[in-house]
Amino acid sequence: MLVRIVKMGFYKQNIEVFLQNFDDTKTRIRAFEGCNFLELYRDKNDPSIFFTYSYWESEAALENYRKSELFNTVWSKVKPLFSIRPEAWSVDKLQSLE
């Protein structure tokens, strides 16, 4: 399993546009083959910073999503809204406690 964390910053006037777009597409992203989990977080100290946190079956599954029409549609709507360059990390989960 691969965990993907993406940090995004938005201009204040674009936050609601981003949130609406995420709401409109989250179910399709989560249903994409190989995606096992999807969450959206908002920074406590800076409300213009958001993180997506997702689990993928493999790096290949994530790459399939990144090459998909769905990703291209989502990215084309979100990219112009950024106030900072997005950052992304692919990590392996080593431990989980609940």
PDB file of N, CA and C in Angstrom:
ATOM      1  N   MET A   1       0.842  -1.189   0.000  1.00  0.00           N
ATOM      2  CA  MET A   1       0.000   0.000   0.000  1.00  0.00           C
ATOM      3  C   MET A   1       0.882   1.245   0.000  1.00  0.00           C
ATOM      4  N   LEU A   2       0.410   2.258  -0.667  1.00  0.00           N
ATOM      5  CA  LEU A   2       1.086   3.542  -0.758  1.00  0.00           C
ATOM      6  C   LEU A   2       0.181   4.618  -0.166  1.00  0.00           C
ATOM      7  N   VAL A   3       0.734   5.475   0.652  1.00  0.00           N
ATOM      8  CA  VAL A   3      -0.017   6.602   1.210  1.00  0.00           C
ATOM      9  C   VAL A   3       0.455   7.848   0.472  1.00  0.00           C
ATOM     10  N   ARG A   4      -0.495   8.634   0.016  1.00  0.00           N
ATOM     11  CA  ARG A   4      -0.185   9.865  -0.726  1.00  0.00           C
ATOM     12  C   ARG A   4      -0.704  11.050   0.077  1.00  0.00           C
ATOM     13  N   ILE A   5       0.194  11.997   0.332  1.00  0.00           N
ATOM     14  CA  ILE A   5      -0.148  13.224   1.048  1.00  0.00           C
ATOM     15  C   ILE A   5       0.155  14.389   0.119  1.00  0.00           C
ATOM     16  N   VAL A   6      -0.827  15.242  -0.084  1.00  0.00           N
ATOM     17  CA  VAL A   6      -0.654  16.400  -0.968  1.00  0.00           C
ATOM     18  C   VAL A   6      -1.025  17.656  -0.196  1.00  0.00           C
ATOM     19  N   LYS A   7      -0.108  18.617  -0.179  1.00  0.00           N
ATOM     20  CA  LYS A   7      -0.330  19.912   0.474  1.00  0.00           C
ATOM     21  C   LYS A   7      -0.638  20.940  -0.608  1.00  0.00           C
ATOM     22  N   MET A   8      -1.715  21.706  -0.391  1.00  0.00           N
ATOM     23  CA  MET A   8      -2.144  22.713  -1.357  1.00  0.00           C
ATOM     24  C   MET A   8      -2.498  24.004  -0.633  1.00  0.00           C
ATOM     25  N   GLY A   9      -2.111  25.121  -1.189  1.00  0.00           N
ATOM     26  CA  GLY A   9      -2.485  26.421  -0.660  1.00  0.00           C
ATOM     27  C   GLY A   9      -3.291  27.177  -1.695  1.00  0.00           C
ATOM     28  N   PHE A  10      -4.343  27.865  -1.242  1.00  0.00           N
ATOM     29  CA  PHE A  10      -5.245  28.544  -2.163  1.00  0.00           C
ATOM     30  C   PHE A  10      -5.393  30.020  -1.817  1.00  0.00           C
ATOM     31  N   TYR A  11      -5.588  30.824  -2.841  1.00  0.00           N
ATOM     32  CA  TYR A  11      -5.966  32.210  -2.607  1.00  0.00           C
ATOM     33  C   TYR A  11      -7.310  32.203  -1.883  1.00  0.00           C
ATOM     34  N   LYS A  12      -7.471  33.127  -0.951  1.00  0.00           N
ATOM     35  CA  LYS A  12      -8.673  33.173  -0.117  1.00  0.00           C
ATOM     36  C   LYS A  12      -9.954  33.122  -0.956  1.00  0.00           C
ATOM     37  N   GLN A  13      -9.980  33.866  -2.038  1.00  0.00           N
ATOM     38  CA  GLN A  13     -11.191  33.925  -2.865  1.00  0.00           C
ATOM     39  C   GLN A  13     -11.462  32.611  -3.612  1.00  0.00           C
ATOM     40  N   ASN A  14     -10.481  31.688  -3.617  1.00  0.00           N
ATOM     41  CA  ASN A  14     -10.650  30.419  -4.336  1.00  0.00           C
ATOM     42  C   ASN A  14     -10.976  29.239  -3.430  1.00  0.00           C
ATOM     43  N   ILE A  15     -10.985  29.449  -2.134  1.00  0.00           N
ATOM     44  CA  ILE A  15     -11.188  28.334  -1.204  1.00  0.00           C
ATOM     45  C   ILE A  15     -12.538  27.663  -1.416  1.00  0.00           C
ATOM     46  N   GLU A  16     -13.598  28.430  -1.526  1.00  0.00           N
ATOM     47  CA  GLU A  16     -14.926  27.830  -1.709  1.00  0.00           C
ATOM     48  C   GLU A  16     -15.029  27.100  -3.053  1.00  0.00           C
ATOM     49  N   VAL A  17     -14.371  27.634  -4.064  1.00  0.00           N
ATOM     50  CA  VAL A  17     -14.359  26.963  -5.372  1.00  0.00           C
ATOM     51  C   VAL A  17     -13.676  25.601  -5.236  1.00  0.00           C
ATOM     52  N   PHE A  18     -12.529  25.578  -4.552  1.00  0.00           N
ATOM     53  CA  PHE A  18     -11.829  24.316  -4.322  1.00  0.00           C
ATOM     54  C   PHE A  18     -12.705  23.335  -3.540  1.00  0.00           C
ATOM     55  N   LEU A  19     -13.293  23.802  -2.445  1.00  0.00           N
ATOM     56  CA  LEU A  19     -14.119  22.913  -1.620  1.00  0.00           C
ATOM     57  C   LEU A  19     -15.303  22.348  -2.396  1.00  0.00           C
ATOM     58  N   GLN A  20     -15.921  23.158  -3.225  1.00  0.00           N
ATOM     59  CA  GLN A  20     -17.033  22.676  -4.044  1.00  0.00           C
ATOM     60  C   GLN A  20     -16.549  21.642  -5.052  1.00  0.00           C
ATOM     61  N   ASN A  21     -15.405  21.899  -5.676  1.00  0.00           N
ATOM     62  CA  ASN A  21     -14.847  20.947  -6.636  1.00  0.00           C
ATOM     63  C   ASN A  21     -14.502  19.625  -5.945  1.00  0.00           C
ATOM     64  N   PHE A  22     -13.906  19.708  -4.754  1.00  0.00           N
ATOM     65  CA  PHE A  22     -13.593  18.475  -4.022  1.00  0.00           C
ATOM     66  C   PHE A  22     -14.880  17.715  -3.700  1.00  0.00           C
ATOM     67  N   ASP A  23     -15.885  18.427  -3.239  1.00  0.00           N
ATOM     68  CA  ASP A  23     -17.162  17.789  -2.919  1.00  0.00           C
ATOM     69  C   ASP A  23     -17.773  17.119  -4.148  1.00  0.00           C
ATOM     70  N   ASP A  24     -17.637  17.760  -5.297  1.00  0.00           N
ATOM     71  CA  ASP A  24     -18.202  17.222  -6.537  1.00  0.00           C
ATOM     72  C   ASP A  24     -17.453  15.992  -7.049  1.00  0.00           C
ATOM     73  N   THR A  25     -16.162  15.868  -6.714  1.00  0.00           N
ATOM     74  CA  THR A  25     -15.347  14.801  -7.301  1.00  0.00           C
ATOM     75  C   THR A  25     -14.871  13.742  -6.316  1.00  0.00           C
ATOM     76  N   LYS A  26     -15.025  13.960  -5.029  1.00  0.00           N
ATOM     77  CA  LYS A  26     -14.449  13.051  -4.030  1.00  0.00           C
ATOM     78  C   LYS A  26     -14.944  11.616  -4.168  1.00  0.00           C
ATOM     79  N   THR A  27     -16.202  11.433  -4.475  1.00  0.00           N
ATOM     80  CA  THR A  27     -16.750  10.080  -4.594  1.00  0.00           C
ATOM     81  C   THR A  27     -16.134   9.354  -5.787  1.00  0.00           C
ATOM     82  N   ARG A  28     -15.949  10.052  -6.886  1.00  0.00           N
ATOM     83  CA  ARG A  28     -15.337   9.434  -8.067  1.00  0.00           C
ATOM     84  C   ARG A  28     -13.863   9.136  -7.842  1.00  0.00           C
ATOM     85  N   ILE A  29     -13.168  10.036  -7.137  1.00  0.00           N
ATOM     86  CA  ILE A  29     -11.760   9.773  -6.833  1.00  0.00           C
ATOM     87  C   ILE A  29     -11.659   8.536  -5.939  1.00  0.00           C
ATOM     88  N   ARG A  30     -12.457   8.501  -4.891  1.00  0.00           N
ATOM     89  CA  ARG A  30     -12.415   7.375  -3.960  1.00  0.00           C
ATOM     90  C   ARG A  30     -12.790   6.067  -4.646  1.00  0.00           C
ATOM     91  N   ALA A  31     -13.679   6.123  -5.629  1.00  0.00           N
ATOM     92  CA  ALA A  31     -14.115   4.921  -6.345  1.00  0.00           C
ATOM     93  C   ALA A  31     -13.141   4.514  -7.443  1.00  0.00           C
ATOM     94  N   PHE A  32     -12.140   5.347  -7.705  1.00  0.00           N
ATOM     95  CA  PHE A  32     -11.186   5.019  -8.758  1.00  0.00           C
ATOM     96  C   PHE A  32     -10.461   3.718  -8.390  1.00  0.00           C
ATOM     97  N   GLU A  33     -10.277   2.867  -9.377  1.00  0.00           N
ATOM     98  CA  GLU A  33      -9.630   1.584  -9.127  1.00  0.00           C
ATOM     99  C   GLU A  33      -8.259   1.775  -8.466  1.00  0.00           C
ATOM    100  N   GLY A  34      -8.081   1.139  -7.328  1.00  0.00           N
ATOM    101  CA  GLY A  34      -6.816   1.212  -6.608  1.00  0.00           C
ATOM    102  C   GLY A  34      -6.803   2.198  -5.464  1.00  0.00           C
ATOM    103  N   CYS A  35      -7.820   3.077  -5.372  1.00  0.00           N
ATOM    104  CA  CYS A  35      -7.909   4.022  -4.256  1.00  0.00           C
ATOM    105  C   CYS A  35      -8.726   3.368  -3.141  1.00  0.00           C
ATOM    106  N   ASN A  36      -8.118   3.244  -1.969  1.00  0.00           N
ATOM    107  CA  ASN A  36      -8.783   2.571  -0.852  1.00  0.00           C
ATOM    108  C   ASN A  36      -9.231   3.508   0.256  1.00  0.00           C
ATOM    109  N   PHE A  37      -8.849   4.787   0.167  1.00  0.00           N
ATOM    110  CA  PHE A  37      -9.139   5.710   1.268  1.00  0.00           C
ATOM    111  C   PHE A  37      -8.867   7.120   0.778  1.00  0.00           C
ATOM    112  N   LEU A  38      -9.687   8.081   1.220  1.00  0.00           N
ATOM    113  CA  LEU A  38      -9.479   9.480   0.831  1.00  0.00           C
ATOM    114  C   LEU A  38     -10.009  10.382   1.933  1.00  0.00           C
ATOM    115  N   GLU A  39      -9.174  11.334   2.357  1.00  0.00           N
ATOM    116  CA  GLU A  39      -9.599  12.341   3.324  1.00  0.00           C
ATOM    117  C   GLU A  39      -9.064  13.700   2.901  1.00  0.00           C
ATOM    118  N   LEU A  40      -9.739  14.736   3.378  1.00  0.00           N
ATOM    119  CA  LEU A  40      -9.314  16.114   3.168  1.00  0.00           C
ATOM    120  C   LEU A  40      -9.139  16.764   4.528  1.00  0.00           C
ATOM    121  N   TYR A  41      -8.017  17.441   4.719  1.00  0.00           N
ATOM    122  CA  TYR A  41      -7.725  18.147   5.967  1.00  0.00           C
ATOM    123  C   TYR A  41      -7.502  19.628   5.686  1.00  0.00           C
ATOM    124  N   ARG A  42      -7.751  20.433   6.726  1.00  0.00           N
ATOM    125  CA  ARG A  42      -7.498  21.875   6.640  1.00  0.00           C
ATOM    126  C   ARG A  42      -6.571  22.271   7.784  1.00  0.00           C
ATOM    127  N   ASP A  43      -5.569  23.068   7.494  1.00  0.00           N
ATOM    128  CA  ASP A  43      -4.612  23.503   8.503  1.00  0.00           C
ATOM    129  C   ASP A  43      -5.310  24.324   9.585  1.00  0.00           C
ATOM    130  N   LYS A  44      -4.973  24.058  10.835  1.00  0.00           N
ATOM    131  CA  LYS A  44      -5.586  24.767  11.969  1.00  0.00           C
ATOM    132  C   LYS A  44      -5.167  26.227  12.037  1.00  0.00           C
ATOM    133  N   ASN A  45      -3.931  26.531  11.632  1.00  0.00           N
ATOM    134  CA  ASN A  45      -3.406  27.890  11.763  1.00  0.00           C
ATOM    135  C   ASN A  45      -3.526  28.730  10.500  1.00  0.00           C
ATOM    136  N   ASP A  46      -3.659  28.088   9.359  1.00  0.00           N
ATOM    137  CA  ASP A  46      -3.775  28.804   8.093  1.00  0.00           C
ATOM    138  C   ASP A  46      -4.917  28.182   7.292  1.00  0.00           C
ATOM    139  N   PRO A  47      -6.099  28.789   7.315  1.00  0.00           N
ATOM    140  CA  PRO A  47      -7.265  28.183   6.659  1.00  0.00           C
ATOM    141  C   PRO A  47      -7.191  28.119   5.138  1.00  0.00           C
ATOM    142  N   SER A  48      -6.116  28.644   4.552  1.00  0.00           N
ATOM    143  CA  SER A  48      -5.957  28.552   3.099  1.00  0.00           C
ATOM    144  C   SER A  48      -5.133  27.328   2.691  1.00  0.00           C
ATOM    145  N   ILE A  49      -4.649  26.553   3.679  1.00  0.00           N
ATOM    146  CA  ILE A  49      -3.830  25.373   3.411  1.00  0.00           C
ATOM    147  C   ILE A  49      -4.655  24.110   3.645  1.00  0.00           C
ATOM    148  N   PHE A  50      -4.621  23.212   2.665  1.00  0.00           N
ATOM    149  CA  PHE A  50      -5.352  21.950   2.722  1.00  0.00           C
ATOM    150  C   PHE A  50      -4.405  20.800   2.396  1.00  0.00           C
ATOM    151  N   PHE A  51      -4.786  19.622   2.869  1.00  0.00           N
ATOM    152  CA  PHE A  51      -4.041  18.400   2.588  1.00  0.00           C
ATOM    153  C   PHE A  51      -5.020  17.324   2.158  1.00  0.00           C
ATOM    154  N   THR A  52      -4.671  16.577   1.139  1.00  0.00           N
ATOM    155  CA  THR A  52      -5.398  15.344   0.862  1.00  0.00           C
ATOM    156  C   THR A  52      -4.523  14.200   1.346  1.00  0.00           C
ATOM    157  N   TYR A  53      -5.187  13.161   1.817  1.00  0.00           N
ATOM    158  CA  TYR A  53      -4.527  11.998   2.380  1.00  0.00           C
ATOM    159  C   TYR A  53      -5.239  10.806   1.781  1.00  0.00           C
ATOM    160  N   SER A  54      -4.518  10.003   1.019  1.00  0.00           N
ATOM    161  CA  SER A  54      -5.172   8.886   0.346  1.00  0.00           C
ATOM    162  C   SER A  54      -4.303   7.642   0.391  1.00  0.00           C
ATOM    163  N   TYR A  55      -4.974   6.476   0.342  1.00  0.00           N
ATOM    164  CA  TYR A  55      -4.300   5.188   0.294  1.00  0.00           C
ATOM    165  C   TYR A  55      -4.505   4.616  -1.104  1.00  0.00           C
ATOM    166  N   TRP A  56      -3.431   4.090  -1.664  1.00  0.00           N
ATOM    167  CA  TRP A  56      -3.465   3.472  -2.990  1.00  0.00           C
ATOM    168  C   TRP A  56      -2.898   2.066  -2.889  1.00  0.00           C
ATOM    169  N   GLU A  57      -3.465   1.164  -3.646  1.00  0.00           N
ATOM    170  CA  GLU A  57      -3.015  -0.225  -3.618  1.00  0.00           C
ATOM    171  C   GLU A  57      -1.549  -0.359  -3.989  1.00  0.00           C
ATOM    172  N   SER A  58      -1.082   0.515  -4.892  1.00  0.00           N
ATOM    173  CA  SER A  58       0.296   0.439  -5.362  1.00  0.00           C
ATOM    174  C   SER A  58       0.666   1.749  -6.046  1.00  0.00           C
ATOM    175  N   GLU A  59       1.931   1.900  -6.321  1.00  0.00           N
ATOM    176  CA  GLU A  59       2.387   3.061  -7.075  1.00  0.00           C
ATOM    177  C   GLU A  59       1.774   3.067  -8.475  1.00  0.00           C
ATOM    178  N   ALA A  60       1.615   1.883  -9.049  1.00  0.00           N
ATOM    179  CA  ALA A  60       0.997   1.772 -10.372  1.00  0.00           C
ATOM    180  C   ALA A  60      -0.455   2.265 -10.347  1.00  0.00           C
ATOM    181  N   ALA A  61      -1.182   1.946  -9.290  1.00  0.00           N
ATOM    182  CA  ALA A  61      -2.576   2.408  -9.177  1.00  0.00           C
ATOM    183  C   ALA A  61      -2.631   3.925  -9.105  1.00  0.00           C
ATOM    184  N   LEU A  62      -1.733   4.526  -8.329  1.00  0.00           N
ATOM    185  CA  LEU A  62      -1.676   5.985  -8.250  1.00  0.00           C
ATOM    186  C   LEU A  62      -1.322   6.582  -9.608  1.00  0.00           C
ATOM    187  N   GLU A  63      -0.375   5.985 -10.289  1.00  0.00           N
ATOM    188  CA  GLU A  63       0.011   6.480 -11.616  1.00  0.00           C
ATOM    189  C   GLU A  63      -1.140   6.362 -12.613  1.00  0.00           C
ATOM    190  N   ASN A  64      -1.904   5.289 -12.531  1.00  0.00           N
ATOM    191  CA  ASN A  64      -3.080   5.142 -13.403  1.00  0.00           C
ATOM    192  C   ASN A  64      -4.062   6.276 -13.163  1.00  0.00           C
ATOM    193  N   TYR A  65      -4.261   6.622 -11.895  1.00  0.00           N
ATOM    194  CA  TYR A  65      -5.134   7.751 -11.579  1.00  0.00           C
ATOM    195  C   TYR A  65      -4.556   9.050 -12.134  1.00  0.00           C
ATOM    196  N   ARG A  66      -3.263   9.270 -11.931  1.00  0.00           N
ATOM    197  CA  ARG A  66      -2.631  10.513 -12.379  1.00  0.00           C
ATOM    198  C   ARG A  66      -2.649  10.663 -13.906  1.00  0.00           C
ATOM    199  N   LYS A  67      -2.814   9.564 -14.618  1.00  0.00           N
ATOM    200  CA  LYS A  67      -2.882   9.597 -16.083  1.00  0.00           C
ATOM    201  C   LYS A  67      -4.325   9.551 -16.595  1.00  0.00           C
ATOM    202  N   SER A  68      -5.283   9.554 -15.688  1.00  0.00           N
ATOM    203  CA  SER A  68      -6.689   9.372 -16.067  1.00  0.00           C
ATOM    204  C   SER A  68      -7.359  10.687 -16.466  1.00  0.00           C
ATOM    205  N   GLU A  69      -8.474  10.534 -17.144  1.00  0.00           N
ATOM    206  CA  GLU A  69      -9.313  11.676 -17.505  1.00  0.00           C
ATOM    207  C   GLU A  69      -9.850  12.363 -16.253  1.00  0.00           C
ATOM    208  N   LEU A  70     -10.192  11.578 -15.238  1.00  0.00           N
ATOM    209  CA  LEU A  70     -10.691  12.146 -13.984  1.00  0.00           C
ATOM    210  C   LEU A  70      -9.646  13.079 -13.366  1.00  0.00           C
ATOM    211  N   PHE A  71      -8.415  12.618 -13.249  1.00  0.00           N
ATOM    212  CA  PHE A  71      -7.363  13.464 -12.683  1.00  0.00           C
ATOM    213  C   PHE A  71      -7.178  14.723 -13.523  1.00  0.00           C
ATOM    214  N   ASN A  72      -7.144  14.573 -14.835  1.00  0.00           N
ATOM    215  CA  ASN A  72      -6.968  15.745 -15.711  1.00  0.00           C
ATOM    216  C   ASN A  72      -8.087  16.756 -15.526  1.00  0.00           C
ATOM    217  N   THR A  73      -9.300  16.274 -15.349  1.00  0.00           N
ATOM    218  CA  THR A  73     -10.441  17.165 -15.121  1.00  0.00           C
ATOM    219  C   THR A  73     -10.305  17.887 -13.789  1.00  0.00           C
ATOM    220  N   VAL A  74      -9.998  17.117 -12.729  1.00  0.00           N
ATOM    221  CA  VAL A  74      -9.838  17.710 -11.396  1.00  0.00           C
ATOM    222  C   VAL A  74      -8.681  18.707 -11.403  1.00  0.00           C
ATOM    223  N   TRP A  75      -7.540  18.296 -11.921  1.00  0.00           N
ATOM    224  CA  TRP A  75      -6.335  19.136 -11.900  1.00  0.00           C
ATOM    225  C   TRP A  75      -6.534  20.427 -12.696  1.00  0.00           C
ATOM    226  N   SER A  76      -7.206  20.349 -13.822  1.00  0.00           N
ATOM    227  CA  SER A  76      -7.396  21.550 -14.645  1.00  0.00           C
ATOM    228  C   SER A  76      -8.265  22.589 -13.931  1.00  0.00           C
ATOM    229  N   LYS A  77      -9.154  22.141 -13.052  1.00  0.00           N
ATOM    230  CA  LYS A  77      -9.997  23.073 -12.292  1.00  0.00           C
ATOM    231  C   LYS A  77      -9.284  23.616 -11.061  1.00  0.00           C
ATOM    232  N   VAL A  78      -8.426  22.787 -10.448  1.00  0.00           N
ATOM    233  CA  VAL A  78      -7.781  23.161  -9.194  1.00  0.00           C
ATOM    234  C   VAL A  78      -6.500  23.964  -9.413  1.00  0.00           C
ATOM    235  N   LYS A  79      -5.743  23.625 -10.406  1.00  0.00           N
ATOM    236  CA  LYS A  79      -4.426  24.237 -10.627  1.00  0.00           C
ATOM    237  C   LYS A  79      -4.451  25.772 -10.648  1.00  0.00           C
ATOM    238  N   PRO A  80      -5.399  26.415 -11.319  1.00  0.00           N
ATOM    239  CA  PRO A  80      -5.402  27.889 -11.338  1.00  0.00           C
ATOM    240  C   PRO A  80      -5.758  28.530  -9.992  1.00  0.00           C
ATOM    241  N   LEU A  81      -6.216  27.738  -9.040  1.00  0.00           N
ATOM    242  CA  LEU A  81      -6.664  28.270  -7.749  1.00  0.00           C
ATOM    243  C   LEU A  81      -5.531  28.398  -6.727  1.00  0.00           C
ATOM    244  N   PHE A  82      -4.382  27.788  -7.005  1.00  0.00           N
ATOM    245  CA  PHE A  82      -3.288  27.725  -6.035  1.00  0.00           C
ATOM    246  C   PHE A  82      -2.643  29.075  -5.777  1.00  0.00           C
ATOM    247  N   SER A  83      -2.299  29.303  -4.507  1.00  0.00           N
ATOM    248  CA  SER A  83      -1.505  30.475  -4.134  1.00  0.00           C
ATOM    249  C   SER A  83      -0.042  30.102  -3.908  1.00  0.00           C
ATOM    250  N   ILE A  84       0.211  28.814  -3.710  1.00  0.00           N
ATOM    251  CA  ILE A  84       1.567  28.289  -3.567  1.00  0.00           C
ATOM    252  C   ILE A  84       1.682  27.017  -4.398  1.00  0.00           C
ATOM    253  N   ARG A  85       2.890  26.658  -4.703  1.00  0.00           N
ATOM    254  CA  ARG A  85       3.106  25.426  -5.457  1.00  0.00           C
ATOM    255  C   ARG A  85       2.721  24.231  -4.579  1.00  0.00           C
ATOM    256  N   PRO A  86       1.897  23.311  -5.080  1.00  0.00           N
ATOM    257  CA  PRO A  86       1.521  22.146  -4.282  1.00  0.00           C
ATOM    258  C   PRO A  86       2.733  21.242  -4.054  1.00  0.00           C
ATOM    259  N   GLU A  87       2.708  20.533  -2.933  1.00  0.00           N
ATOM    260  CA  GLU A  87       3.744  19.570  -2.601  1.00  0.00           C
ATOM    261  C   GLU A  87       3.088  18.224  -2.388  1.00  0.00           C
ATOM    262  N   ALA A  88       3.776  17.158  -2.797  1.00  0.00           N
ATOM    263  CA  ALA A  88       3.213  15.816  -2.651  1.00  0.00           C
ATOM    264  C   ALA A  88       4.279  14.849  -2.166  1.00  0.00           C
ATOM    265  N   TRP A  89       3.840  13.931  -1.322  1.00  0.00           N
ATOM    266  CA  TRP A  89       4.708  12.886  -0.806  1.00  0.00           C
ATOM    267  C   TRP A  89       4.019  11.546  -0.974  1.00  0.00           C
ATOM    268  N   SER A  90       4.780  10.559  -1.385  1.00  0.00           N
ATOM    269  CA  SER A  90       4.332   9.167  -1.376  1.00  0.00           C
ATOM    270  C   SER A  90       5.120   8.477  -0.274  1.00  0.00           C
ATOM    271  N   VAL A  91       4.408   7.885   0.672  1.00  0.00           N
ATOM    272  CA  VAL A  91       5.061   7.278   1.831  1.00  0.00           C
ATOM    273  C   VAL A  91       4.504   5.883   2.080  1.00  0.00           C
ATOM    274  N   ASP A  92       5.306   5.092   2.786  1.00  0.00           N
ATOM    275  CA  ASP A  92       4.859   3.782   3.241  1.00  0.00           C
ATOM    276  C   ASP A  92       4.416   3.891   4.691  1.00  0.00           C
ATOM    277  N   LYS A  93       3.264   3.327   4.996  1.00  0.00           N
ATOM    278  CA  LYS A  93       2.800   3.308   6.387  1.00  0.00           C
ATOM    279  C   LYS A  93       3.575   2.217   7.117  1.00  0.00           C
ATOM    280  N   LEU A  94       4.224   2.595   8.193  1.00  0.00           N
ATOM    281  CA  LEU A  94       4.985   1.638   8.977  1.00  0.00           C
ATOM    282  C   LEU A  94       4.191   1.102  10.167  1.00  0.00           C
ATOM    283  N   GLN A  95       3.420   1.984  10.806  1.00  0.00           N
ATOM    284  CA  GLN A  95       2.625   1.576  11.956  1.00  0.00           C
ATOM    285  C   GLN A  95       1.343   2.384  12.000  1.00  0.00           C
ATOM    286  N   SER A  96       0.322   1.785  12.563  1.00  0.00           N
ATOM    287  CA  SER A  96      -0.948   2.475  12.755  1.00  0.00           C
ATOM    288  C   SER A  96      -1.540   2.014  14.070  1.00  0.00           C
ATOM    289  N   LEU A  97      -1.875   2.957  14.933  1.00  0.00           N
ATOM    290  CA  LEU A  97      -2.489   2.642  16.223  1.00  0.00           C
ATOM    291  C   LEU A  97      -3.871   3.279  16.288  1.00  0.00           C
ATOM    292  N   GLU A  98      -4.843   2.547  16.732  1.00  0.00           N
ATOM    293  CA  GLU A  98      -6.189   3.101  16.873  1.00  0.00           C
ATOM    294  C   GLU A  98      -6.695   2.880  18.263  1.00  0.00           C
TER     295      GLU A  98
END
